[in-house]
Structure formats: structure tokens, C-alpha cells
């Protein structure tokens, strides 16, 4: 088995493995790191990956403002807009009324 691999193949394989440039995430501005759906009214900082580090893009007052920046295609509705990995997920909706199995019925 030869360990010689053309540089172009290695670079292409490495590129598929790396985080895509332009990926965004929102992080709580205060307190310890938490899941994005926790404390929806807390301020968040929106970060963007530039290929080497996370760069501050904006500061959002709450979860919904941050979600608009992180998921810009979510305003276009289902089936519209980008289909990149960063835009496939949508922000979690607020829990509405209902009697699902996971909810308390008392």
C-alpha cells in the first residue's frame, strides 16, 4: 500500500472535512454555555466562521433576533432559499397549547 497521495486529492478530502466558511452560531452573552432554546429572552452574540476563527457578526437582544441572523432562509418559508447544511435546520418553535404525552396533564 502506497502512502503517496496526490496533493489535489488530499486537499479535496480535507476541504470536505472542515467547517464551511460562513457557518453561523448564536451563543448566550451572559452566564455559562447553554442550549440555544434555554432562556429565550437572554441576549446573544452571533458568530460567523471565517475559515480560521469565530468572528463576531452581531449582538441580538433575544433568541428570535439571533435566529433570524443564523438561519436567514427561515423567513422564506419551507422549500425556499438555501439548502446548505448551515440552513437546513430551523429554530425551535415556542411550545404552544396542547396535551402531548410529554406534557403534564394536572
PDB file of N, CA and C in Angstrom:
ATOM      1  N   UNK A   1       0.845  -1.185   0.000  1.00  0.00           N
ATOM      2  CA  UNK A   1       0.000   0.000   0.000  1.00  0.00           C
ATOM      3  C   UNK A   1       0.882   1.237   0.000  1.00  0.00           C
ATOM      4  N   UNK A   2       0.631   2.134  -0.875  1.00  0.00           N
ATOM      5  CA  UNK A   2       1.438   3.326  -1.029  1.00  0.00           C
ATOM      6  C   UNK A   2       0.839   4.469  -0.212  1.00  0.00           C
ATOM      7  N   UNK A   3       1.708   5.231   0.449  1.00  0.00           N
ATOM      8  CA  UNK A   3       1.255   6.396   1.217  1.00  0.00           C
ATOM      9  C   UNK A   3       1.275   7.663   0.389  1.00  0.00           C
ATOM     10  N   UNK A   4       1.652   7.534  -0.869  1.00  0.00           N
ATOM     11  CA  UNK A   4       1.690   8.700  -1.748  1.00  0.00           C
ATOM     12  C   UNK A   4       0.280   9.008  -2.250  1.00  0.00           C
ATOM     13  N   UNK A   5      -0.160  10.194  -1.943  1.00  0.00           N
ATOM     14  CA  UNK A   5      -1.480  10.642  -2.374  1.00  0.00           C
ATOM     15  C   UNK A   5      -1.300  11.987  -3.061  1.00  0.00           C
ATOM     16  N   UNK A   6      -1.873  12.171  -4.225  1.00  0.00           N
ATOM     17  CA  UNK A   6      -1.740  13.473  -4.887  1.00  0.00           C
ATOM     18  C   UNK A   6      -2.260  14.601  -3.989  1.00  0.00           C
ATOM     19  N   UNK A   7      -1.583  15.718  -4.030  1.00  0.00           N
ATOM     20  CA  UNK A   7      -1.934  16.861  -3.192  1.00  0.00           C
ATOM     21  C   UNK A   7      -3.363  17.329  -3.446  1.00  0.00           C
ATOM     22  N   UNK A   8      -3.823  17.291  -4.682  1.00  0.00           N
ATOM     23  CA  UNK A   8      -5.180  17.731  -5.006  1.00  0.00           C
ATOM     24  C   UNK A   8      -6.230  16.852  -4.321  1.00  0.00           C
ATOM     25  N   UNK A   9      -5.999  15.532  -4.307  1.00  0.00           N
ATOM     26  CA  UNK A   9      -6.947  14.623  -3.638  1.00  0.00           C
ATOM     27  C   UNK A   9      -6.954  14.862  -2.133  1.00  0.00           C
ATOM     28  N   UNK A  10      -5.768  15.047  -1.549  1.00  0.00           N
ATOM     29  CA  UNK A  10      -5.687  15.305  -0.116  1.00  0.00           C
ATOM     30  C   UNK A  10      -6.407  16.607   0.238  1.00  0.00           C
ATOM     31  N   UNK A  11      -6.187  17.658  -0.554  1.00  0.00           N
ATOM     32  CA  UNK A  11      -6.820  18.946  -0.285  1.00  0.00           C
ATOM     33  C   UNK A  11      -8.337  18.852  -0.413  1.00  0.00           C
ATOM     34  N   UNK A  12      -8.825  18.107  -1.403  1.00  0.00           N
ATOM     35  CA  UNK A  12     -10.270  17.945  -1.575  1.00  0.00           C
ATOM     36  C   UNK A  12     -10.865  17.171  -0.404  1.00  0.00           C
ATOM     37  N   UNK A  13     -10.187  16.138   0.046  1.00  0.00           N
ATOM     38  CA  UNK A  13     -10.661  15.348   1.196  1.00  0.00           C
ATOM     39  C   UNK A  13     -10.673  16.201   2.456  1.00  0.00           C
ATOM     40  N   UNK A  14      -9.637  16.992   2.648  1.00  0.00           N
ATOM     41  CA  UNK A  14      -9.548  17.871   3.813  1.00  0.00           C
ATOM     42  C   UNK A  14     -10.651  18.930   3.776  1.00  0.00           C
ATOM     43  N   UNK A  15     -10.920  19.480   2.608  1.00  0.00           N
ATOM     44  CA  UNK A  15     -11.949  20.518   2.461  1.00  0.00           C
ATOM     45  C   UNK A  15     -13.334  19.995   2.818  1.00  0.00           C
ATOM     46  N   UNK A  16     -13.633  18.750   2.469  1.00  0.00           N
ATOM     47  CA  UNK A  16     -14.934  18.154   2.807  1.00  0.00           C
ATOM     48  C   UNK A  16     -15.087  17.968   4.314  1.00  0.00           C
ATOM     49  N   UNK A  17     -13.973  17.811   5.002  1.00  0.00           N
ATOM     50  CA  UNK A  17     -13.977  17.531   6.430  1.00  0.00           C
ATOM     51  C   UNK A  17     -14.071  18.800   7.277  1.00  0.00           C
ATOM     52  N   UNK A  18     -13.668  19.927   6.733  1.00  0.00           N
ATOM     53  CA  UNK A  18     -13.613  21.170   7.503  1.00  0.00           C
ATOM     54  C   UNK A  18     -14.978  21.841   7.626  1.00  0.00           C
ATOM     55  N   UNK A  19     -15.071  22.686   8.635  1.00  0.00           N
ATOM     56  CA  UNK A  19     -16.274  23.506   8.834  1.00  0.00           C
ATOM     57  C   UNK A  19     -16.390  24.486   7.667  1.00  0.00           C
ATOM     58  N   UNK A  20     -17.582  24.644   7.090  1.00  0.00           N
ATOM     59  CA  UNK A  20     -17.718  25.554   5.944  1.00  0.00           C
ATOM     60  C   UNK A  20     -17.571  27.017   6.366  1.00  0.00           C
ATOM     61  N   UNK A  21     -16.882  27.785   5.559  1.00  0.00           N
ATOM     62  CA  UNK A  21     -16.722  29.218   5.804  1.00  0.00           C
ATOM     63  C   UNK A  21     -18.102  29.863   5.699  1.00  0.00           C
ATOM     64  N   UNK A  22     -18.410  30.740   6.629  1.00  0.00           N
ATOM     65  CA  UNK A  22     -19.700  31.412   6.624  1.00  0.00           C
ATOM     66  C   UNK A  22     -20.718  30.768   7.547  1.00  0.00           C
ATOM     67  N   UNK A  23     -20.379  29.629   8.165  1.00  0.00           N
ATOM     68  CA  UNK A  23     -21.307  28.998   9.114  1.00  0.00           C
ATOM     69  C   UNK A  23     -21.498  29.937  10.299  1.00  0.00           C
ATOM     70  N   UNK A  24     -22.723  30.000  10.795  1.00  0.00           N
ATOM     71  CA  UNK A  24     -23.041  30.909  11.895  1.00  0.00           C
ATOM     72  C   UNK A  24     -23.582  30.152  13.090  1.00  0.00           C
ATOM     73  N   UNK A  25     -23.401  30.747  14.278  1.00  0.00           N
ATOM     74  CA  UNK A  25     -23.986  30.210  15.500  1.00  0.00           C
ATOM     75  C   UNK A  25     -24.249  31.358  16.463  1.00  0.00           C
ATOM     76  N   UNK A  26     -25.210  31.133  17.358  1.00  0.00           N
ATOM     77  CA  UNK A  26     -25.542  32.131  18.375  1.00  0.00           C
ATOM     78  C   UNK A  26     -25.186  31.557  19.742  1.00  0.00           C
ATOM     79  N   UNK A  27     -24.545  32.379  20.569  1.00  0.00           N
ATOM     80  CA  UNK A  27     -24.084  31.966  21.883  1.00  0.00           C
ATOM     81  C   UNK A  27     -24.637  32.942  22.910  1.00  0.00           C
ATOM     82  N   UNK A  28     -25.058  32.414  24.076  1.00  0.00           N
ATOM     83  CA  UNK A  28     -25.533  33.288  25.147  1.00  0.00           C
ATOM     84  C   UNK A  28     -24.437  34.290  25.506  1.00  0.00           C
ATOM     85  N   UNK A  29     -24.822  35.517  25.688  1.00  0.00           N
ATOM     86  CA  UNK A  29     -23.870  36.572  26.006  1.00  0.00           C
ATOM     87  C   UNK A  29     -23.522  36.570  27.492  1.00  0.00           C
ATOM     88  N   UNK A  30     -24.429  36.094  28.317  1.00  0.00           N
ATOM     89  CA  UNK A  30     -24.199  36.063  29.761  1.00  0.00           C
ATOM     90  C   UNK A  30     -24.342  34.653  30.290  1.00  0.00           C
ATOM     91  N   UNK A  31     -23.691  34.375  31.387  1.00  0.00           N
ATOM     92  CA  UNK A  31     -23.827  33.076  32.043  1.00  0.00           C
ATOM     93  C   UNK A  31     -23.043  31.976  31.360  1.00  0.00           C
ATOM     94  N   UNK A  32     -23.218  30.756  31.875  1.00  0.00           N
ATOM     95  CA  UNK A  32     -22.491  29.609  31.314  1.00  0.00           C
ATOM     96  C   UNK A  32     -23.051  29.200  29.954  1.00  0.00           C
ATOM     97  N   UNK A  33     -22.273  28.447  29.172  1.00  0.00           N
ATOM     98  CA  UNK A  33     -22.784  27.959  27.876  1.00  0.00           C
ATOM     99  C   UNK A  33     -24.011  27.078  28.083  1.00  0.00           C
ATOM    100  N   UNK A  34     -25.049  27.307  27.278  1.00  0.00           N
ATOM    101  CA  UNK A  34     -26.297  26.551  27.393  1.00  0.00           C
ATOM    102  C   UNK A  34     -26.840  26.285  26.007  1.00  0.00           C
ATOM    103  N   UNK A  35     -27.843  25.437  25.966  1.00  0.00           N
ATOM    104  CA  UNK A  35     -28.530  25.153  24.699  1.00  0.00           C
ATOM    105  C   UNK A  35     -29.235  26.422  24.222  1.00  0.00           C
ATOM    106  N   UNK A  36     -29.406  26.545  22.924  1.00  0.00           N
ATOM    107  CA  UNK A  36     -29.948  27.785  22.366  1.00  0.00           C
ATOM    108  C   UNK A  36     -31.388  28.054  22.772  1.00  0.00           C
ATOM    109  N   UNK A  37     -32.170  27.008  23.068  1.00  0.00           N
ATOM    110  CA  UNK A  37     -33.579  27.215  23.405  1.00  0.00           C
ATOM    111  C   UNK A  37     -33.787  27.612  24.865  1.00  0.00           C
ATOM    112  N   UNK A  38     -32.742  27.573  25.677  1.00  0.00           N
ATOM    113  CA  UNK A  38     -32.854  27.922  27.091  1.00  0.00           C
ATOM    114  C   UNK A  38     -32.766  29.441  27.234  1.00  0.00           C
ATOM    115  N   UNK A  39     -33.657  30.005  28.040  1.00  0.00           N
ATOM    116  CA  UNK A  39     -33.684  31.440  28.322  1.00  0.00           C
ATOM    117  C   UNK A  39     -33.742  32.250  27.035  1.00  0.00           C
ATOM    118  N   UNK A  40     -34.868  32.174  26.350  1.00  0.00           N
ATOM    119  CA  UNK A  40     -35.048  32.787  25.037  1.00  0.00           C
ATOM    120  C   UNK A  40     -34.935  34.309  25.038  1.00  0.00           C
ATOM    121  N   UNK A  41     -35.135  34.939  26.168  1.00  0.00           N
ATOM    122  CA  UNK A  41     -35.076  36.405  26.211  1.00  0.00           C
ATOM    123  C   UNK A  41     -33.692  36.935  26.535  1.00  0.00           C
ATOM    124  N   UNK A  42     -32.718  36.054  26.771  1.00  0.00           N
ATOM    125  CA  UNK A  42     -31.352  36.488  27.074  1.00  0.00           C
ATOM    126  C   UNK A  42     -30.656  36.987  25.806  1.00  0.00           C
ATOM    127  N   UNK A  43     -29.778  37.975  25.943  1.00  0.00           N
ATOM    128  CA  UNK A  43     -29.054  38.466  24.759  1.00  0.00           C
ATOM    129  C   UNK A  43     -28.063  37.419  24.255  1.00  0.00           C
ATOM    130  N   UNK A  44     -27.792  37.460  22.960  1.00  0.00           N
ATOM    131  CA  UNK A  44     -26.873  36.517  22.334  1.00  0.00           C
ATOM    132  C   UNK A  44     -25.916  37.240  21.403  1.00  0.00           C
ATOM    133  N   UNK A  45     -24.753  36.659  21.253  1.00  0.00           N
ATOM    134  CA  UNK A  45     -23.799  37.154  20.276  1.00  0.00           C
ATOM    135  C   UNK A  45     -23.821  36.160  19.105  1.00  0.00           C
ATOM    136  N   UNK A  46     -23.915  36.675  17.894  1.00  0.00           N
ATOM    137  CA  UNK A  46     -23.942  35.839  16.691  1.00  0.00           C
ATOM    138  C   UNK A  46     -22.530  35.814  16.123  1.00  0.00           C
ATOM    139  N   UNK A  47     -22.003  34.605  15.947  1.00  0.00           N
ATOM    140  CA  UNK A  47     -20.638  34.413  15.467  1.00  0.00           C
ATOM    141  C   UNK A  47     -20.649  33.774  14.084  1.00  0.00           C
ATOM    142  N   UNK A  48     -19.634  34.079  13.294  1.00  0.00           N
ATOM    143  CA  UNK A  48     -19.509  33.511  11.952  1.00  0.00           C
ATOM    144  C   UNK A  48     -18.087  32.954  11.787  1.00  0.00           C
ATOM    145  N   UNK A  49     -17.985  31.758  11.218  1.00  0.00           N
ATOM    146  CA  UNK A  49     -16.700  31.109  10.994  1.00  0.00           C
ATOM    147  C   UNK A  49     -16.073  31.681   9.719  1.00  0.00           C
ATOM    148  N   UNK A  50     -14.835  32.190   9.832  1.00  0.00           N
ATOM    149  CA  UNK A  50     -14.166  32.774   8.662  1.00  0.00           C
ATOM    150  C   UNK A  50     -13.115  31.850   8.055  1.00  0.00           C
ATOM    151  N   UNK A  51     -13.072  30.615   8.505  1.00  0.00           N
ATOM    152  CA  UNK A  51     -12.101  29.659   7.999  1.00  0.00           C
ATOM    153  C   UNK A  51     -10.987  29.385   8.987  1.00  0.00           C
ATOM    154  N   UNK A  52     -10.800  30.302   9.939  1.00  0.00           N
ATOM    155  CA  UNK A  52      -9.743  30.156  10.928  1.00  0.00           C
ATOM    156  C   UNK A  52     -10.228  30.373  12.351  1.00  0.00           C
ATOM    157  N   UNK A  53     -11.242  31.208  12.521  1.00  0.00           N
ATOM    158  CA  UNK A  53     -11.733  31.531  13.859  1.00  0.00           C
ATOM    159  C   UNK A  53     -13.181  32.007  13.797  1.00  0.00           C
ATOM    160  N   UNK A  54     -13.848  32.031  14.967  1.00  0.00           N
ATOM    161  CA  UNK A  54     -15.199  32.572  15.063  1.00  0.00           C
ATOM    162  C   UNK A  54     -15.090  34.077  15.223  1.00  0.00           C
ATOM    163  N   UNK A  55     -15.775  34.823  14.359  1.00  0.00           N
ATOM    164  CA  UNK A  55     -15.738  36.280  14.353  1.00  0.00           C
ATOM    165  C   UNK A  55     -17.120  36.792  14.743  1.00  0.00           C
ATOM    166  N   UNK A  56     -17.159  37.826  15.584  1.00  0.00           N
ATOM    167  CA  UNK A  56     -18.430  38.410  15.997  1.00  0.00           C
ATOM    168  C   UNK A  56     -19.097  39.078  14.806  1.00  0.00           C
ATOM    169  N   UNK A  57     -20.334  38.674  14.565  1.00  0.00           N
ATOM    170  CA  UNK A  57     -21.106  39.243  13.454  1.00  0.00           C
ATOM    171  C   UNK A  57     -22.084  40.301  13.964  1.00  0.00           C
ATOM    172  N   UNK A  58     -22.765  39.995  15.080  1.00  0.00           N
ATOM    173  CA  UNK A  58     -23.753  40.925  15.625  1.00  0.00           C
ATOM    174  C   UNK A  58     -24.105  40.516  17.048  1.00  0.00           C
ATOM    175  N   UNK A  59     -24.777  41.406  17.735  1.00  0.00           N
ATOM    176  CA  UNK A  59     -25.337  41.110  19.053  1.00  0.00           C
ATOM    177  C   UNK A  59     -26.845  41.203  18.916  1.00  0.00           C
ATOM    178  N   UNK A  60     -27.541  40.165  19.365  1.00  0.00           N
ATOM    179  CA  UNK A  60     -29.001  40.116  19.262  1.00  0.00           C
ATOM    180  C   UNK A  60     -29.612  40.224  20.658  1.00  0.00           C
ATOM    181  N   UNK A  61     -30.758  40.866  20.750  1.00  0.00           N
ATOM    182  CA  UNK A  61     -31.414  41.077  22.038  1.00  0.00           C
ATOM    183  C   UNK A  61     -32.025  39.802  22.606  1.00  0.00           C
ATOM    184  N   UNK A  62     -32.429  38.847  21.731  1.00  0.00           N
ATOM    185  CA  UNK A  62     -33.061  37.618  22.209  1.00  0.00           C
ATOM    186  C   UNK A  62     -32.883  36.499  21.187  1.00  0.00           C
ATOM    187  N   UNK A  63     -33.489  35.361  21.472  1.00  0.00           N
ATOM    188  CA  UNK A  63     -33.349  34.177  20.625  1.00  0.00           C
ATOM    189  C   UNK A  63     -33.898  34.397  19.214  1.00  0.00           C
ATOM    190  N   UNK A  64     -35.049  35.028  19.106  1.00  0.00           N
ATOM    191  CA  UNK A  64     -35.657  35.214  17.780  1.00  0.00           C
ATOM    192  C   UNK A  64     -34.819  36.111  16.875  1.00  0.00           C
ATOM    193  N   UNK A  65     -34.263  37.174  17.427  1.00  0.00           N
ATOM    194  CA  UNK A  65     -33.394  38.035  16.623  1.00  0.00           C
ATOM    195  C   UNK A  65     -32.145  37.281  16.180  1.00  0.00           C
ATOM    196  N   UNK A  66     -31.580  36.488  17.080  1.00  0.00           N
ATOM    197  CA  UNK A  66     -30.391  35.704  16.743  1.00  0.00           C
ATOM    198  C   UNK A  66     -30.723  34.659  15.682  1.00  0.00           C
ATOM    199  N   UNK A  67     -31.894  34.027  15.797  1.00  0.00           N
ATOM    200  CA  UNK A  67     -32.288  33.003  14.824  1.00  0.00           C
ATOM    201  C   UNK A  67     -32.447  33.608  13.432  1.00  0.00           C
ATOM    202  N   UNK A  68     -32.908  34.838  13.344  1.00  0.00           N
ATOM    203  CA  UNK A  68     -33.051  35.493  12.033  1.00  0.00           C
ATOM    204  C   UNK A  68     -31.694  35.698  11.361  1.00  0.00           C
ATOM    205  N   UNK A  69     -30.659  35.912  12.167  1.00  0.00           N
ATOM    206  CA  UNK A  69     -29.320  36.089  11.611  1.00  0.00           C
ATOM    207  C   UNK A  69     -28.637  34.758  11.311  1.00  0.00           C
ATOM    208  N   UNK A  70     -28.868  33.771  12.161  1.00  0.00           N
ATOM    209  CA  UNK A  70     -28.213  32.468  11.988  1.00  0.00           C
ATOM    210  C   UNK A  70     -28.878  31.658  10.884  1.00  0.00           C
ATOM    211  N   UNK A  71     -30.198  31.746  10.784  1.00  0.00           N
ATOM    212  CA  UNK A  71     -30.971  30.999   9.780  1.00  0.00           C
ATOM    213  C   UNK A  71     -31.677  31.981   8.848  1.00  0.00           C
ATOM    214  N   UNK A  72     -30.961  32.655   7.968  1.00  0.00           N
ATOM    215  CA  UNK A  72     -31.612  33.683   7.137  1.00  0.00           C
ATOM    216  C   UNK A  72     -32.659  33.117   6.192  1.00  0.00           C
ATOM    217  N   UNK A  73     -32.584  31.857   5.793  1.00  0.00           N
ATOM    218  CA  UNK A  73     -33.559  31.296   4.860  1.00  0.00           C
ATOM    219  C   UNK A  73     -34.865  30.918   5.540  1.00  0.00           C
ATOM    220  N   UNK A  74     -34.935  30.950   6.874  1.00  0.00           N
ATOM    221  CA  UNK A  74     -36.167  30.558   7.563  1.00  0.00           C
ATOM    222  C   UNK A  74     -37.302  31.537   7.287  1.00  0.00           C
ATOM    223  N   UNK A  75     -36.990  32.766   6.883  1.00  0.00           N
ATOM    224  CA  UNK A  75     -38.032  33.743   6.563  1.00  0.00           C
ATOM    225  C   UNK A  75     -38.683  33.461   5.220  1.00  0.00           C
ATOM    226  N   UNK A  76     -38.053  32.637   4.396  1.00  0.00           N
ATOM    227  CA  UNK A  76     -38.576  32.371   3.065  1.00  0.00           C
ATOM    228  C   UNK A  76     -39.574  31.234   3.030  1.00  0.00           C
ATOM    229  N   UNK A  77     -39.788  30.595   4.156  1.00  0.00           N
ATOM    230  CA  UNK A  77     -40.756  29.507   4.200  1.00  0.00           C
ATOM    231  C   UNK A  77     -40.147  28.168   3.844  1.00  0.00           C
ATOM    232  N   UNK A  78     -40.929  27.136   3.958  1.00  0.00           N
ATOM    233  CA  UNK A  78     -40.463  25.788   3.686  1.00  0.00           C
ATOM    234  C   UNK A  78     -40.209  25.624   2.199  1.00  0.00           C
ATOM    235  N   UNK A  79     -39.066  25.025   1.876  1.00  0.00           N
ATOM    236  CA  UNK A  79     -38.745  24.750   0.485  1.00  0.00           C
ATOM    237  C   UNK A  79     -38.081  25.891  -0.246  1.00  0.00           C
ATOM    238  N   UNK A  80     -38.010  27.061   0.345  1.00  0.00           N
ATOM    239  CA  UNK A  80     -37.387  28.178  -0.336  1.00  0.00           C
ATOM    240  C   UNK A  80     -36.004  28.452   0.204  1.00  0.00           C
ATOM    241  N   UNK A  81     -35.203  29.125  -0.572  1.00  0.00           N
ATOM    242  CA  UNK A  81     -33.908  29.564  -0.093  1.00  0.00           C
ATOM    243  C   UNK A  81     -32.835  28.511  -0.181  1.00  0.00           C
ATOM    244  N   UNK A  82     -31.796  28.720   0.623  1.00  0.00           N
ATOM    245  CA  UNK A  82     -30.613  27.869   0.571  1.00  0.00           C
ATOM    246  C   UNK A  82     -30.855  26.469   1.082  1.00  0.00           C
ATOM    247  N   UNK A  83     -30.047  25.565   0.578  1.00  0.00           N
ATOM    248  CA  UNK A  83     -30.132  24.182   1.029  1.00  0.00           C
ATOM    249  C   UNK A  83     -28.793  23.710   1.564  1.00  0.00           C
ATOM    250  N   UNK A  84     -27.931  24.622   1.973  1.00  0.00           N
ATOM    251  CA  UNK A  84     -26.658  24.223   2.536  1.00  0.00           C
ATOM    252  C   UNK A  84     -26.878  23.651   3.918  1.00  0.00           C
ATOM    253  N   UNK A  85     -25.887  22.972   4.441  1.00  0.00           N
ATOM    254  CA  UNK A  85     -26.011  22.329   5.750  1.00  0.00           C
ATOM    255  C   UNK A  85     -26.319  23.334   6.844  1.00  0.00           C
ATOM    256  N   UNK A  86     -25.767  24.537   6.747  1.00  0.00           N
ATOM    257  CA  UNK A  86     -25.999  25.548   7.776  1.00  0.00           C
ATOM    258  C   UNK A  86     -27.433  26.044   7.774  1.00  0.00           C
ATOM    259  N   UNK A  87     -28.172  25.874   6.666  1.00  0.00           N
ATOM    260  CA  UNK A  87     -29.530  26.396   6.577  1.00  0.00           C
ATOM    261  C   UNK A  87     -30.597  25.315   6.598  1.00  0.00           C
ATOM    262  N   UNK A  88     -30.235  24.070   6.828  1.00  0.00           N
ATOM    263  CA  UNK A  88     -31.233  23.003   6.830  1.00  0.00           C
ATOM    264  C   UNK A  88     -32.088  23.004   8.081  1.00  0.00           C
ATOM    265  N   UNK A  89     -31.510  23.354   9.204  1.00  0.00           N
ATOM    266  CA  UNK A  89     -32.263  23.337  10.452  1.00  0.00           C
ATOM    267  C   UNK A  89     -32.959  24.667  10.656  1.00  0.00           C
ATOM    268  N   UNK A  90     -34.090  24.619  11.298  1.00  0.00           N
ATOM    269  CA  UNK A  90     -34.861  25.821  11.604  1.00  0.00           C
ATOM    270  C   UNK A  90     -34.836  26.035  13.112  1.00  0.00           C
ATOM    271  N   UNK A  91     -35.031  27.257  13.580  1.00  0.00           N
ATOM    272  CA  UNK A  91     -35.080  27.479  15.019  1.00  0.00           C
ATOM    273  C   UNK A  91     -36.277  26.760  15.632  1.00  0.00           C
ATOM    274  N   UNK A  92     -36.101  26.287  16.840  1.00  0.00           N
ATOM    275  CA  UNK A  92     -37.169  25.560  17.527  1.00  0.00           C
ATOM    276  C   UNK A  92     -38.321  26.515  17.842  1.00  0.00           C
ATOM    277  N   UNK A  93     -39.557  26.120  17.580  1.00  0.00           N
ATOM    278  CA  UNK A  93     -40.693  26.999  17.869  1.00  0.00           C
ATOM    279  C   UNK A  93     -40.990  27.042  19.365  1.00  0.00           C
ATOM    280  N   UNK A  94     -41.672  28.085  19.780  1.00  0.00           N
ATOM    281  CA  UNK A  94     -42.141  28.128  21.164  1.00  0.00           C
ATOM    282  C   UNK A  94     -43.160  27.010  21.364  1.00  0.00           C
ATOM    283  N   UNK A  95     -43.223  26.447  22.553  1.00  0.00           N
ATOM    284  CA  UNK A  95     -44.227  25.418  22.822  1.00  0.00           C
ATOM    285  C   UNK A  95     -45.594  26.056  22.875  1.00  0.00           C
ATOM    286  N   UNK A  96     -46.525  25.490  22.181  1.00  0.00           N
ATOM    287  CA  UNK A  96     -47.885  26.010  22.167  1.00  0.00           C
ATOM    288  C   UNK A  96     -48.777  25.226  23.109  1.00  0.00           C
ATOM    289  N   UNK A  97     -50.046  25.497  23.054  1.00  0.00           N
ATOM    290  CA  UNK A  97     -51.020  24.779  23.870  1.00  0.00           C
ATOM    291  C   UNK A  97     -51.163  23.353  23.354  1.00  0.00           C
ATOM    292  N   UNK A  98     -51.487  22.444  24.224  1.00  0.00           N
ATOM    293  CA  UNK A  98     -51.684  21.064  23.792  1.00  0.00           C
ATOM    294  C   UNK A  98     -51.568  20.095  24.940  1.00  0.00           C
ATOM    295  N   UNK A  99     -51.862  18.855  24.659  1.00  0.00           N
ATOM    296  CA  UNK A  99     -51.825  17.812  25.689  1.00  0.00           C
ATOM    297  C   UNK A  99     -50.987  16.639  25.210  1.00  0.00           C
ATOM    298  N   UNK A 100     -49.813  16.902  24.671  1.00  0.00           N
ATOM    299  CA  UNK A 100     -48.936  15.830  24.211  1.00  0.00           C
ATOM    300  C   UNK A 100     -48.531  14.916  25.361  1.00  0.00           C
ATOM    301  N   UNK A 101     -48.073  13.729  25.031  1.00  0.00           N
ATOM    302  CA  UNK A 101     -47.709  12.746  26.059  1.00  0.00           C
ATOM    303  C   UNK A 101     -46.617  13.275  26.987  1.00  0.00           C
ATOM    304  N   UNK A 102     -45.765  14.115  26.508  1.00  0.00           N
ATOM    305  CA  UNK A 102     -44.649  14.615  27.311  1.00  0.00           C
ATOM    306  C   UNK A 102     -45.064  15.761  28.232  1.00  0.00           C
ATOM    307  N   UNK A 103     -46.286  16.233  28.144  1.00  0.00           N
ATOM    308  CA  UNK A 103     -46.725  17.355  28.968  1.00  0.00           C
ATOM    309  C   UNK A 103     -47.516  16.888  30.170  1.00  0.00           C
ATOM    310  N   UNK A 104     -47.453  17.673  31.198  1.00  0.00           N
ATOM    311  CA  UNK A 104     -48.204  17.379  32.401  1.00  0.00           C
ATOM    312  C   UNK A 104     -49.678  17.657  32.179  1.00  0.00           C
ATOM    313  N   UNK A 105     -50.525  16.804  32.672  1.00  0.00           N
ATOM    314  CA  UNK A 105     -51.960  16.984  32.472  1.00  0.00           C
ATOM    315  C   UNK A 105     -52.664  17.387  33.766  1.00  0.00           C
ATOM    316  N   UNK A 106     -51.942  17.800  34.791  1.00  0.00           N
ATOM    317  CA  UNK A 106     -52.581  18.178  36.046  1.00  0.00           C
ATOM    318  C   UNK A 106     -52.942  19.630  36.078  1.00  0.00           C
TER     319      UNK A 106
END
